[in-house]
Each structure stands twice: as C-alpha cells, then as structure tokens.
Amino acid sequence: FDIGRALRLAAVAGAALAVAPVARAADFSVTYGVTIVGLRIGTGTLVGHVAGGRYNLTLNGGLAGIAKLLVHQAIAAGANGGFGGALTPDAFAMTAARGGDRHTIRMSMGGGAVRAVQISPKPRPPGPEYVPLAPGAKVGVVDPLSAFLMPAANAVPGPGACDRTLRIFDSEARFDVAMSFDSVANGGARGYSGPVALCTARYRPLSGYRRDKAELNFETKNPTIEVALAPAPGVAAFVPYRVVIQTSIGPAVIQAEAISGGVAKKASR
C-alpha cells in the first residue's frame, strides 16, 4: 500500500471555488489516521493559515504501527496562494521518501495555471500506454494540496459543500473528480463535534497518465469514492473529514482524529 498515493488522493476532496474571505487571520490543524482493512498504517497532519487574502498549507505524513517497522516512508508537502474571490495557487512542493529513495516535485503557478514543473528524479520516458497531456491541461487547475481547502460561501455542511467537480494537476497527470451531495451526518473528532457533509465522488483520469493495469484497476474498483467534509475552523471553507478508497487488499480509510484552530485573537496593546 502506497501511503503517498493515498494522501494525494485525499486531496480530491478539495477544489477552487468562490469564497467569502475572512476578515482576520485564522489557523487550523487536522490530524488524520490512515487504516487499511481496519489496521492502522499511517498518520498525517494538515496545517493551514489564512490571512490577508492569502493561504498557506502544509501536510506531513508517514507510516505507523506494523507498517513503520517494515519500511520507512514519509511525505511532506506545502502550498500557498491567493484566498479571495477564488482559490488561486502560487506554488506547490512535495517530497516523498521511501527507504533510501527520495522523490521531489515543485510547481510554480499563477492565475489558475501551471507555469513550471520540476520533478526529481525525472519520470521514465512515456511508453505506448501513455495518454499524452492534452492542450490546456495545466489551465484552470489546483495542485493536490491546495485542493484540501474547499472554499464555500458559508461552511454549513450541506449540498453546497459537495456539489463540485475538482480539476487537479499533480505535476504529471490531469484528472477530474466529480463530487455530489448525499446527506448530512454527525461527525466527531478531538476538538470538533458537529455535522459533516457526506459526498460521493468519481475519479476520472483525463490525460498525462499511463494507461497501465494499476491505473485502470483503481478506476474500476472505485466507481464511487466516499468523502465526508467538515468546516475548517475559522475559515469559510471545508476540509476532508473522512475519505474511503478501495485498494487491491481492501478499503483504505483516511479519518480526521483531531481538528483544532479558529480565528486568531488580536494581540493586546
């Protein structure tokens, strides 16, 4: 099981939509646990800061439990950009380490478009199974981490939280995730007890990917992805609360275990 891929796919729960900007700075943190067939195998922490029409996100994750004893694997990512009438990413960077191997990605963005991409080590040359990147694939998109922050006119769980199509470029591939509202349920995590929006999602690769067995199996086994969204503390936006993805050995569940933060208080004079 590739925790890096699971954490990246959790980002399909987010997109760039219209938002009412917050008047004061807000900071929030969400700690996730990752399980597969009921066994805890990973953790991740999302930290966000929104102020002055700007946002900054960081994500750190790694293996846990028995999985940590078998192999060292960790992921660290960061993203920032404009937070106003729309979410407009400026930069994305990610480092994934597994054993002695390290993989890095850097993207510079502007105006909703990708301007430059650096990947190390370089991807292997495309083979006959490669679906070429389509013209315009890097326009009107968000990076995987920025997609964690889902702006909304108001962060009240309901149809407005889910009804959206996510347009994501992950440095190589362009894909959509069409989300739709299902219902509202009660959620609970350390620091948060309240309603969450339950959504269904469908992953659809568009271009820039390899049409190999793994990709096709993932698409076939995930006719729907289960996503639950919770309000981001102090921000007119949602963050992923729970994501359920089918893998070759059973369901992988990314679940919020703690949610904290809110609007920052003004310093006393």
C-alpha atoms as a PDB file:
ATOM      1  CA  PHE A   1       0.000   0.000   0.000  1.00  0.00           C
ATOM      2  CA  ASP A   2       1.367   3.410  -1.021  1.00  0.00           C
ATOM      3  CA  ILE A   3       0.507   5.949   1.687  1.00  0.00           C
ATOM      4  CA  GLY A   4       1.870   8.742  -0.502  1.00  0.00           C
ATOM      5  CA  ARG A   5      -0.740   7.941  -3.144  1.00  0.00           C
ATOM      6  CA  ALA A   6      -3.495   7.660  -0.529  1.00  0.00           C
ATOM      7  CA  LEU A   7      -2.684  11.049   0.954  1.00  0.00           C
ATOM      8  CA  ARG A   8      -2.509  12.553  -2.536  1.00  0.00           C
ATOM      9  CA  LEU A   9      -5.901  11.082  -3.400  1.00  0.00           C
ATOM     10  CA  ALA A  10      -7.349  12.537  -0.231  1.00  0.00           C
ATOM     11  CA  ALA A  11      -6.799  15.844  -1.962  1.00  0.00           C
ATOM     12  CA  VAL A  12      -9.570  15.002  -4.414  1.00  0.00           C
ATOM     13  CA  ALA A  13     -11.873  16.153  -1.647  1.00  0.00           C
ATOM     14  CA  GLY A  14     -10.974  19.801  -2.442  1.00  0.00           C
ATOM     15  CA  ALA A  15     -11.321  22.315  -5.277  1.00  0.00           C
ATOM     16  CA  ALA A  16     -11.062  26.039  -6.084  1.00  0.00           C
ATOM     17  CA  LEU A  17     -14.497  27.661  -5.785  1.00  0.00           C
ATOM     18  CA  ALA A  18     -15.838  31.106  -4.845  1.00  0.00           C
ATOM     19  CA  VAL A  19     -15.379  32.096  -1.216  1.00  0.00           C
ATOM     20  CA  ALA A  20     -16.121  34.950   1.145  1.00  0.00           C
ATOM     21  CA  PRO A  21     -12.719  35.996   2.520  1.00  0.00           C
ATOM     22  CA  VAL A  22     -12.158  36.014   6.275  1.00  0.00           C
ATOM     23  CA  ALA A  23     -11.597  39.363   7.922  1.00  0.00           C
ATOM     24  CA  ARG A  24      -8.944  38.182  10.382  1.00  0.00           C
ATOM     25  CA  ALA A  25      -6.180  35.627  10.396  1.00  0.00           C
ATOM     26  CA  ALA A  26      -7.196  32.036  11.025  1.00  0.00           C
ATOM     27  CA  ASP A  27      -5.095  28.972  11.804  1.00  0.00           C
ATOM     28  CA  PHE A  28      -6.258  25.375  11.836  1.00  0.00           C
ATOM     29  CA  SER A  29      -4.853  21.882  12.131  1.00  0.00           C
ATOM     30  CA  VAL A  30      -6.313  18.482  11.230  1.00  0.00           C
ATOM     31  CA  THR A  31      -4.674  15.215  12.263  1.00  0.00           C
ATOM     32  CA  TYR A  32      -5.571  12.160  10.204  1.00  0.00           C
ATOM     33  CA  GLY A  33      -5.236   8.448  10.818  1.00  0.00           C
ATOM     34  CA  VAL A  34      -4.897   6.029   7.904  1.00  0.00           C
ATOM     35  CA  THR A  35      -6.173   2.458   8.167  1.00  0.00           C
ATOM     36  CA  ILE A  36      -6.455  -0.361   5.682  1.00  0.00           C
ATOM     37  CA  VAL A  37      -8.771  -3.308   6.339  1.00  0.00           C
ATOM     38  CA  GLY A  38      -9.038  -1.953   9.881  1.00  0.00           C
ATOM     39  CA  LEU A  39      -5.291  -1.871  10.600  1.00  0.00           C
ATOM     40  CA  ARG A  40      -3.676   1.478  11.421  1.00  0.00           C
ATOM     41  CA  ILE A  41      -0.813   2.022   8.987  1.00  0.00           C
ATOM     42  CA  GLY A  42      -0.273   5.764   8.766  1.00  0.00           C
ATOM     43  CA  THR A  43      -0.820   9.269  10.086  1.00  0.00           C
ATOM     44  CA  GLY A  44      -0.899  12.731   8.558  1.00  0.00           C
ATOM     45  CA  THR A  45      -1.260  16.313   9.779  1.00  0.00           C
ATOM     46  CA  LEU A  46      -2.661  19.203   7.731  1.00  0.00           C
ATOM     47  CA  VAL A  47      -1.854  22.718   8.982  1.00  0.00           C
ATOM     48  CA  GLY A  48      -3.421  25.812   7.433  1.00  0.00           C
ATOM     49  CA  HIS A  49      -3.055  29.570   7.810  1.00  0.00           C
ATOM     50  CA  VAL A  50      -5.348  32.103   6.127  1.00  0.00           C
ATOM     51  CA  ALA A  51      -4.753  35.855   6.425  1.00  0.00           C
ATOM     52  CA  GLY A  52      -4.727  38.983   4.278  1.00  0.00           C
ATOM     53  CA  GLY A  53      -6.223  37.245   1.266  1.00  0.00           C
ATOM     54  CA  ARG A  54      -3.527  34.558   1.336  1.00  0.00           C
ATOM     55  CA  TYR A  55      -3.425  30.903   2.375  1.00  0.00           C
ATOM     56  CA  ASN A  56      -0.600  28.566   3.314  1.00  0.00           C
ATOM     57  CA  LEU A  57      -0.933  24.800   3.767  1.00  0.00           C
ATOM     58  CA  THR A  58       1.489  22.118   4.920  1.00  0.00           C
ATOM     59  CA  LEU A  59       0.978  18.373   5.093  1.00  0.00           C
ATOM     60  CA  ASN A  60       3.230  15.831   6.793  1.00  0.00           C
ATOM     61  CA  GLY A  61       2.522  12.117   6.834  1.00  0.00           C
ATOM     62  CA  GLY A  62       4.186   8.785   7.399  1.00  0.00           C
ATOM     63  CA  LEU A  63       3.694   5.141   8.187  1.00  0.00           C
ATOM     64  CA  ALA A  64       2.669   3.957  11.635  1.00  0.00           C
ATOM     65  CA  GLY A  65       2.284   0.708  13.538  1.00  0.00           C
ATOM     66  CA  ILE A  66       3.491  -2.518  11.937  1.00  0.00           C
ATOM     67  CA  ALA A  67       3.904  -0.803   8.559  1.00  0.00           C
ATOM     68  CA  LYS A  68       6.525   1.528  10.066  1.00  0.00           C
ATOM     69  CA  LEU A  69       8.562  -1.484  11.165  1.00  0.00           C
ATOM     70  CA  LEU A  70       8.631  -2.869   7.621  1.00  0.00           C
ATOM     71  CA  VAL A  71       9.660   0.235   5.651  1.00  0.00           C
ATOM     72  CA  HIS A  72      10.312   3.915   6.264  1.00  0.00           C
ATOM     73  CA  GLN A  73       8.013   6.061   4.174  1.00  0.00           C
ATOM     74  CA  ALA A  74       7.140   9.727   4.671  1.00  0.00           C
ATOM     75  CA  ILE A  75       5.603  12.580   2.730  1.00  0.00           C
ATOM     76  CA  ALA A  76       5.904  16.345   3.244  1.00  0.00           C
ATOM     77  CA  ALA A  77       4.103  18.925   1.117  1.00  0.00           C
ATOM     78  CA  GLY A  78       3.445  22.651   1.074  1.00  0.00           C
ATOM     79  CA  ALA A  79       1.269  25.002  -0.976  1.00  0.00           C
ATOM     80  CA  ASN A  80       0.350  28.671  -0.925  1.00  0.00           C
ATOM     81  CA  GLY A  81      -1.594  31.220  -2.929  1.00  0.00           C
ATOM     82  CA  GLY A  82      -4.403  33.746  -3.007  1.00  0.00           C
ATOM     83  CA  PHE A  83      -7.546  33.313  -0.913  1.00  0.00           C
ATOM     84  CA  GLY A  84     -10.193  35.764  -2.068  1.00  0.00           C
ATOM     85  CA  GLY A  85     -12.884  35.534  -4.733  1.00  0.00           C
ATOM     86  CA  ALA A  86     -11.283  32.225  -5.714  1.00  0.00           C
ATOM     87  CA  LEU A  87      -8.504  29.958  -4.528  1.00  0.00           C
ATOM     88  CA  THR A  88      -5.509  30.716  -6.780  1.00  0.00           C
ATOM     89  CA  PRO A  89      -2.405  28.607  -6.018  1.00  0.00           C
ATOM     90  CA  ASP A  90       1.042  30.152  -6.480  1.00  0.00           C
ATOM     91  CA  ALA A  91       3.324  27.250  -5.552  1.00  0.00           C
ATOM     92  CA  PHE A  92       3.288  23.572  -4.621  1.00  0.00           C
ATOM     93  CA  ALA A  93       6.131  21.362  -3.424  1.00  0.00           C
ATOM     94  CA  MET A  94       6.223  17.770  -2.218  1.00  0.00           C
ATOM     95  CA  THR A  95       8.916  15.379  -1.042  1.00  0.00           C
ATOM     96  CA  ALA A  96       8.199  11.666  -0.664  1.00  0.00           C
ATOM     97  CA  ALA A  97      10.811   9.389   0.881  1.00  0.00           C
ATOM     98  CA  ARG A  98      10.743   5.601   0.940  1.00  0.00           C
ATOM     99  CA  GLY A  99      13.737   3.800   2.366  1.00  0.00           C
ATOM    100  CA  GLY A 100      16.758   5.432   0.723  1.00  0.00           C
ATOM    101  CA  ASP A 101      14.793   6.774  -2.242  1.00  0.00           C
ATOM    102  CA  ARG A 102      13.553  10.359  -2.435  1.00  0.00           C
ATOM    103  CA  HIS A 103      11.112  11.879  -4.908  1.00  0.00           C
ATOM    104  CA  THR A 104      10.534  15.643  -5.151  1.00  0.00           C
ATOM    105  CA  ILE A 105       8.032  17.775  -7.045  1.00  0.00           C
ATOM    106  CA  ARG A 106       7.934  21.560  -7.414  1.00  0.00           C
ATOM    107  CA  MET A 107       5.319  23.537  -9.314  1.00  0.00           C
ATOM    108  CA  SER A 108       5.023  27.288  -9.795  1.00  0.00           C
ATOM    109  CA  MET A 109       1.549  28.525 -10.650  1.00  0.00           C
ATOM    110  CA  GLY A 110      -0.289  31.756 -11.362  1.00  0.00           C
ATOM    111  CA  GLY A 111      -3.778  32.786 -12.434  1.00  0.00           C
ATOM    112  CA  GLY A 112      -5.038  29.225 -12.028  1.00  0.00           C
ATOM    113  CA  ALA A 113      -2.435  27.857 -14.456  1.00  0.00           C
ATOM    114  CA  VAL A 114       0.761  25.844 -14.003  1.00  0.00           C
ATOM    115  CA  ARG A 115       3.801  27.803 -15.212  1.00  0.00           C
ATOM    116  CA  ALA A 116       6.690  25.437 -14.463  1.00  0.00           C
ATOM    117  CA  VAL A 117       7.213  21.911 -13.117  1.00  0.00           C
ATOM    118  CA  GLN A 118      10.359  20.285 -11.707  1.00  0.00           C
ATOM    119  CA  ILE A 119      10.414  16.572 -10.869  1.00  0.00           C
ATOM    120  CA  SER A 120      13.382  14.675  -9.429  1.00  0.00           C
ATOM    121  CA  PRO A 121      14.276  12.052 -10.371  1.00  0.00           C
ATOM    122  CA  LYS A 122      12.869  12.599 -13.853  1.00  0.00           C
ATOM    123  CA  PRO A 123       9.936  10.324 -14.765  1.00  0.00           C
ATOM    124  CA  ARG A 124      10.681   7.417 -17.053  1.00  0.00           C
ATOM    125  CA  PRO A 125      10.107   8.108 -20.780  1.00  0.00           C
ATOM    126  CA  PRO A 126       6.494   7.652 -21.901  1.00  0.00           C
ATOM    127  CA  GLY A 127       5.668   4.243 -23.309  1.00  0.00           C
ATOM    128  CA  PRO A 128       2.911   3.095 -25.662  1.00  0.00           C
ATOM    129  CA  GLU A 129       0.454   3.038 -22.735  1.00  0.00           C
ATOM    130  CA  TYR A 130       0.927   6.778 -22.072  1.00  0.00           C
ATOM    131  CA  VAL A 131      -2.003   9.130 -22.645  1.00  0.00           C
ATOM    132  CA  PRO A 132      -0.386  12.450 -23.722  1.00  0.00           C
ATOM    133  CA  LEU A 133      -1.070  15.579 -21.724  1.00  0.00           C
ATOM    134  CA  ALA A 134      -3.866  17.419 -23.507  1.00  0.00           C
ATOM    135  CA  PRO A 135      -3.641  21.093 -24.550  1.00  0.00           C
ATOM    136  CA  GLY A 136      -4.955  23.267 -21.745  1.00  0.00           C
ATOM    137  CA  ALA A 137      -4.451  20.543 -19.137  1.00  0.00           C
ATOM    138  CA  LYS A 138      -2.479  22.944 -16.930  1.00  0.00           C
ATOM    139  CA  VAL A 139      -5.054  25.746 -17.027  1.00  0.00           C
ATOM    140  CA  GLY A 140      -7.860  26.274 -14.520  1.00  0.00           C
ATOM    141  CA  VAL A 141      -6.460  23.740 -12.049  1.00  0.00           C
ATOM    142  CA  VAL A 142      -5.310  23.435  -8.459  1.00  0.00           C
ATOM    143  CA  ASP A 143      -2.473  21.372  -7.053  1.00  0.00           C
ATOM    144  CA  PRO A 144      -3.250  18.296  -4.890  1.00  0.00           C
ATOM    145  CA  LEU A 145      -2.553  20.007  -1.559  1.00  0.00           C
ATOM    146  CA  SER A 146      -4.446  23.238  -2.283  1.00  0.00           C
ATOM    147  CA  ALA A 147      -7.405  21.003  -3.086  1.00  0.00           C
ATOM    148  CA  PHE A 148      -7.584  20.143   0.631  1.00  0.00           C
ATOM    149  CA  LEU A 149      -9.003  23.626   1.285  1.00  0.00           C
ATOM    150  CA  MET A 150     -12.549  23.817  -0.145  1.00  0.00           C
ATOM    151  CA  PRO A 151     -13.914  27.377  -0.097  1.00  0.00           C
ATOM    152  CA  ALA A 152     -17.633  27.997   0.312  1.00  0.00           C
ATOM    153  CA  ALA A 153     -19.916  30.992   0.758  1.00  0.00           C
ATOM    154  CA  ASN A 154     -20.608  29.588   4.214  1.00  0.00           C
ATOM    155  CA  ALA A 155     -19.186  26.495   5.855  1.00  0.00           C
ATOM    156  CA  VAL A 156     -22.504  24.914   6.823  1.00  0.00           C
ATOM    157  CA  PRO A 157     -22.479  21.227   5.803  1.00  0.00           C
ATOM    158  CA  GLY A 158     -24.995  20.644   3.019  1.00  0.00           C
ATOM    159  CA  PRO A 159     -25.262  20.343  -0.777  1.00  0.00           C
ATOM    160  CA  GLY A 160     -23.006  23.364  -1.313  1.00  0.00           C
ATOM    161  CA  ALA A 161     -20.128  21.512   0.305  1.00  0.00           C
ATOM    162  CA  CYS A 162     -20.167  18.599  -2.133  1.00  0.00           C
ATOM    163  CA  ASP A 163     -21.662  19.638  -5.472  1.00  0.00           C
ATOM    164  CA  ARG A 164     -18.498  20.464  -7.432  1.00  0.00           C
ATOM    165  CA  THR A 165     -16.084  18.997  -9.954  1.00  0.00           C
ATOM    166  CA  LEU A 166     -12.464  19.010  -8.864  1.00  0.00           C
ATOM    167  CA  ARG A 167      -9.859  19.941 -11.504  1.00  0.00           C
ATOM    168  CA  ILE A 168      -6.429  18.774 -10.321  1.00  0.00           C
ATOM    169  CA  PHE A 169      -2.975  18.646 -11.900  1.00  0.00           C
ATOM    170  CA  ASP A 170      -0.469  16.609  -9.849  1.00  0.00           C
ATOM    171  CA  SER A 171       2.713  17.556 -11.801  1.00  0.00           C
ATOM    172  CA  GLU A 172       2.254  14.841 -14.441  1.00  0.00           C
ATOM    173  CA  ALA A 173      -1.408  13.918 -14.792  1.00  0.00           C
ATOM    174  CA  ARG A 174      -4.601  15.911 -15.153  1.00  0.00           C
ATOM    175  CA  PHE A 175      -7.715  14.401 -13.611  1.00  0.00           C
ATOM    176  CA  ASP A 176     -11.217  15.334 -12.534  1.00  0.00           C
ATOM    177  CA  VAL A 177     -13.178  14.157  -9.539  1.00  0.00           C
ATOM    178  CA  ALA A 178     -16.907  14.777  -9.836  1.00  0.00           C
ATOM    179  CA  MET A 179     -18.497  15.153  -6.393  1.00  0.00           C
ATOM    180  CA  SER A 180     -22.146  15.162  -5.419  1.00  0.00           C
ATOM    181  CA  PHE A 181     -24.058  15.603  -2.177  1.00  0.00           C
ATOM    182  CA  ASP A 182     -25.529  12.597  -0.401  1.00  0.00           C
ATOM    183  CA  SER A 183     -26.574  13.607   3.109  1.00  0.00           C
ATOM    184  CA  VAL A 184     -25.526  15.202   6.402  1.00  0.00           C
ATOM    185  CA  ALA A 185     -24.328  13.133   9.345  1.00  0.00           C
ATOM    186  CA  ASN A 186     -22.860  13.743  12.782  1.00  0.00           C
ATOM    187  CA  GLY A 187     -19.067  13.743  12.992  1.00  0.00           C
ATOM    188  CA  GLY A 188     -16.779  13.588  15.956  1.00  0.00           C
ATOM    189  CA  ALA A 189     -13.049  14.189  16.444  1.00  0.00           C
ATOM    190  CA  ARG A 190     -10.958  15.716  19.201  1.00  0.00           C
ATOM    191  CA  GLY A 191     -11.823  19.410  19.077  1.00  0.00           C
ATOM    192  CA  TYR A 192     -14.884  19.033  16.838  1.00  0.00           C
ATOM    193  CA  SER A 193     -18.325  17.550  17.296  1.00  0.00           C
ATOM    194  CA  GLY A 194     -20.948  18.507  14.755  1.00  0.00           C
ATOM    195  CA  PRO A 195     -22.387  17.914  11.288  1.00  0.00           C
ATOM    196  CA  VAL A 196     -20.335  16.761   8.310  1.00  0.00           C
ATOM    197  CA  ALA A 197     -21.391  16.644   4.659  1.00  0.00           C
ATOM    198  CA  LEU A 198     -21.371  13.179   3.091  1.00  0.00           C
ATOM    199  CA  CYS A 199     -20.417  13.169  -0.592  1.00  0.00           C
ATOM    200  CA  THR A 200     -19.881  10.633  -3.338  1.00  0.00           C
ATOM    201  CA  ALA A 201     -17.051  11.165  -5.810  1.00  0.00           C
ATOM    202  CA  ARG A 202     -15.919   9.636  -9.088  1.00  0.00           C
ATOM    203  CA  TYR A 203     -12.253   9.730 -10.152  1.00  0.00           C
ATOM    204  CA  ARG A 204     -11.723  10.329 -13.879  1.00  0.00           C
ATOM    205  CA  PRO A 205      -8.189  10.457 -15.365  1.00  0.00           C
ATOM    206  CA  LEU A 206      -8.061  12.779 -18.370  1.00  0.00           C
ATOM    207  CA  SER A 207      -4.503  12.984 -19.719  1.00  0.00           C
ATOM    208  CA  GLY A 208      -0.834  12.760 -18.796  1.00  0.00           C
ATOM    209  CA  TYR A 209      -1.148   9.319 -17.199  1.00  0.00           C
ATOM    210  CA  ARG A 210      -0.110   5.796 -18.078  1.00  0.00           C
ATOM    211  CA  ARG A 211      -2.981   3.556 -19.023  1.00  0.00           C
ATOM    212  CA  ASP A 212      -1.480   0.632 -17.154  1.00  0.00           C
ATOM    213  CA  LYS A 213      -3.091  -2.090 -15.114  1.00  0.00           C
ATOM    214  CA  ALA A 214      -2.785  -0.273 -11.779  1.00  0.00           C
ATOM    215  CA  GLU A 215      -4.481   2.899 -13.039  1.00  0.00           C
ATOM    216  CA  LEU A 216      -7.293   1.026 -14.736  1.00  0.00           C
ATOM    217  CA  ASN A 217      -7.830  -1.211 -11.704  1.00  0.00           C
ATOM    218  CA  PHE A 218      -8.100   1.817  -9.451  1.00  0.00           C
ATOM    219  CA  GLU A 219     -10.688   3.447 -11.706  1.00  0.00           C
ATOM    220  CA  THR A 220     -12.681   0.195 -11.975  1.00  0.00           C
ATOM    221  CA  LYS A 221     -12.650  -0.562  -8.236  1.00  0.00           C
ATOM    222  CA  ASN A 222     -13.676   2.969  -7.323  1.00  0.00           C
ATOM    223  CA  PRO A 223     -16.936   3.694  -9.154  1.00  0.00           C
ATOM    224  CA  THR A 224     -17.571   5.914  -6.154  1.00  0.00           C
ATOM    225  CA  ILE A 225     -15.228   7.291  -3.515  1.00  0.00           C
ATOM    226  CA  GLU A 226     -16.763   8.138  -0.143  1.00  0.00           C
ATOM    227  CA  VAL A 227     -15.886  11.613   1.113  1.00  0.00           C
ATOM    228  CA  ALA A 228     -17.061  13.463   4.238  1.00  0.00           C
ATOM    229  CA  LEU A 229     -16.308  17.166   4.732  1.00  0.00           C
ATOM    230  CA  ALA A 230     -16.087  19.221   7.931  1.00  0.00           C
ATOM    231  CA  PRO A 231     -15.908  23.004   8.395  1.00  0.00           C
ATOM    232  CA  ALA A 232     -12.357  24.386   8.632  1.00  0.00           C
ATOM    233  CA  PRO A 233     -12.062  26.240  11.962  1.00  0.00           C
ATOM    234  CA  GLY A 234     -12.267  29.996  11.468  1.00  0.00           C
ATOM    235  CA  VAL A 235     -12.371  29.829   7.659  1.00  0.00           C
ATOM    236  CA  ALA A 236     -15.274  29.891   5.194  1.00  0.00           C
ATOM    237  CA  ALA A 237     -14.179  26.557   3.782  1.00  0.00           C
ATOM    238  CA  PHE A 238     -14.302  22.800   4.279  1.00  0.00           C
ATOM    239  CA  VAL A 239     -11.560  20.231   4.823  1.00  0.00           C
ATOM    240  CA  PRO A 240     -11.682  16.455   4.354  1.00  0.00           C
ATOM    241  CA  TYR A 241     -13.058  14.684   7.425  1.00  0.00           C
ATOM    242  CA  ARG A 242     -13.130  11.130   6.062  1.00  0.00           C
ATOM    243  CA  VAL A 243     -12.149   9.544   2.725  1.00  0.00           C
ATOM    244  CA  VAL A 244     -12.705   5.884   1.824  1.00  0.00           C
ATOM    245  CA  ILE A 245     -10.781   4.476  -1.164  1.00  0.00           C
ATOM    246  CA  GLN A 246     -10.791   0.872  -2.375  1.00  0.00           C
ATOM    247  CA  THR A 247      -7.378  -0.811  -2.746  1.00  0.00           C
ATOM    248  CA  SER A 248      -6.311  -4.217  -4.013  1.00  0.00           C
ATOM    249  CA  ILE A 249      -6.434  -5.632  -0.469  1.00  0.00           C
ATOM    250  CA  GLY A 250      -9.398  -3.769   0.967  1.00  0.00           C
ATOM    251  CA  PRO A 251     -10.739  -0.326   1.830  1.00  0.00           C
ATOM    252  CA  ALA A 252      -8.282   2.386   2.884  1.00  0.00           C
ATOM    253  CA  VAL A 253      -9.791   4.939   5.255  1.00  0.00           C
ATOM    254  CA  ILE A 254      -8.355   8.391   5.946  1.00  0.00           C
ATOM    255  CA  GLN A 255     -10.114   9.704   9.040  1.00  0.00           C
ATOM    256  CA  ALA A 256      -9.786  13.008  10.927  1.00  0.00           C
ATOM    257  CA  GLU A 257      -8.884  12.267  14.535  1.00  0.00           C
ATOM    258  CA  ALA A 258      -8.377  15.832  15.781  1.00  0.00           C
ATOM    259  CA  ILE A 259      -9.452  19.254  14.479  1.00  0.00           C
ATOM    260  CA  SER A 260      -8.323  22.469  16.114  1.00  0.00           C
ATOM    261  CA  GLY A 261      -7.922  26.198  15.467  1.00  0.00           C
ATOM    262  CA  GLY A 262     -10.029  29.203  14.648  1.00  0.00           C
ATOM    263  CA  VAL A 263      -9.873  32.958  14.117  1.00  0.00           C
ATOM    264  CA  ALA A 264      -6.753  34.351  15.728  1.00  0.00           C
ATOM    265  CA  LYS A 265      -7.239  36.869  18.517  1.00  0.00           C
ATOM    266  CA  LYS A 266      -5.796  40.343  18.093  1.00  0.00           C
ATOM    267  CA  ALA A 267      -2.721  40.926  20.205  1.00  0.00           C
ATOM    268  CA  SER A 268      -3.329  43.161  23.230  1.00  0.00           C
ATOM    269  CA  ARG A 269      -1.592  46.509  23.285  1.00  0.00           C
END
